[in-house]
Amino acid sequence: MKELHLVIVSPERIVFDGMAESVTLPGELGEFQVLPDHAPLISSLVEGEVKYVAGKETQVLQITEGFVEVRDNQISVCAEL
């Protein structure tokens, strides 16, 4: 199964840098999910939960705002925690 390279950073630190099977993000127009081979996009993020599946575990991270870039199975999230 293809995976995504997910990097989540905050102004203070790198929160996560690794592989994930899926990522769910709180976009301005609602929650959306990114799976392998997703179309490229850039979106602002609003207060809510970033959820990602890494291995057999689902991790949840609460954010207040930020943005995300998706390109070539790489997801870069910059967010305030």
Protein backbone atom coordinates (compact mmCIF):
# COMPACT_ATOMS: atom_id res chain seq x y z
CA MET A 1 0.00 0.00 0.00
CA LYS A 2 1.26 3.49 -0.84
CA GLU A 3 1.90 5.86 2.02
CA LEU A 4 2.17 9.59 2.51
CA HIS A 5 5.18 11.42 3.88
CA LEU A 6 3.66 13.69 6.53
CA VAL A 7 5.47 16.57 8.20
CA ILE A 8 3.68 18.60 10.88
CA VAL A 9 5.49 21.63 12.26
CA SER A 10 4.55 24.33 14.74
CA PRO A 11 6.50 27.54 15.37
CA GLU A 12 8.14 25.80 18.35
CA ARG A 13 9.06 22.37 17.00
CA ILE A 14 8.63 19.51 14.56
CA VAL A 15 5.58 17.64 15.82
CA PHE A 16 5.68 14.67 13.43
CA ASP A 17 7.86 13.61 10.50
CA GLY A 18 7.07 10.18 9.13
CA MET A 19 4.86 7.98 7.02
CA ALA A 20 1.07 7.93 7.24
CA GLU A 21 -1.69 6.03 5.45
CA SER A 22 -4.23 8.87 5.60
CA VAL A 23 -4.57 12.37 7.03
CA THR A 24 -7.79 14.22 7.96
CA LEU A 25 -7.59 18.00 8.24
CA PRO A 26 -9.94 20.82 9.37
CA GLY A 27 -10.23 23.04 6.27
CA GLU A 28 -12.11 26.34 6.10
CA LEU A 29 -14.90 24.69 4.07
CA GLY A 30 -15.01 21.61 6.28
CA GLU A 31 -13.03 18.55 7.20
CA PHE A 32 -11.25 16.72 4.36
CA GLN A 33 -9.16 13.59 4.03
CA VAL A 34 -5.96 13.08 2.06
CA LEU A 35 -5.08 9.60 0.78
CA PRO A 36 -2.15 8.46 -1.40
CA ASP A 37 -2.14 9.96 -4.93
CA HIS A 38 -4.35 12.89 -3.85
CA ALA A 39 -4.46 15.85 -6.23
CA PRO A 40 -2.07 18.70 -5.35
CA LEU A 41 -3.58 21.40 -3.14
CA ILE A 42 -2.85 24.21 -0.74
CA SER A 43 -5.44 25.03 1.94
CA SER A 44 -5.74 27.11 5.07
CA LEU A 45 -6.71 25.26 8.22
CA VAL A 46 -9.04 26.32 11.01
CA GLU A 47 -9.35 25.27 14.64
CA GLY A 48 -9.94 21.55 14.92
CA GLU A 49 -8.26 18.16 14.83
CA VAL A 50 -5.57 16.84 12.54
CA LYS A 51 -5.95 13.05 12.49
CA TYR A 52 -3.46 10.73 10.86
CA VAL A 53 -3.08 6.98 10.67
CA ALA A 54 0.52 5.87 11.19
CA GLY A 55 0.97 2.13 11.37
CA LYS A 56 -2.06 0.71 13.16
CA GLU A 57 -2.63 3.77 15.35
CA THR A 58 -4.67 6.90 14.75
CA GLN A 59 -3.06 10.01 16.19
CA VAL A 60 -5.02 13.19 16.94
CA LEU A 61 -3.53 16.66 17.22
CA GLN A 62 -5.53 19.75 18.21
CA ILE A 63 -4.66 22.91 16.23
CA THR A 64 -5.91 26.50 16.30
CA GLU A 65 -4.99 27.47 12.72
CA GLY A 66 -2.49 26.84 9.96
CA PHE A 67 -2.09 25.71 6.39
CA VAL A 68 -1.32 22.55 4.43
CA GLU A 69 0.34 21.72 1.13
CA VAL A 70 -0.23 18.37 -0.59
CA ARG A 71 2.03 17.39 -3.50
CA ASP A 72 3.39 14.07 -4.79
CA ASN A 73 2.29 12.07 -1.72
CA GLN A 74 3.97 14.59 0.57
CA ILE A 75 1.90 16.55 3.08
CA SER A 76 3.36 19.58 4.83
CA VAL A 77 1.31 21.03 7.70
CA CYS A 78 2.32 24.23 9.45
CA ALA A 79 0.02 24.86 12.40
CA GLU A 80 -0.40 26.68 15.68
CA LEU A 81 -1.05 24.20 18.48
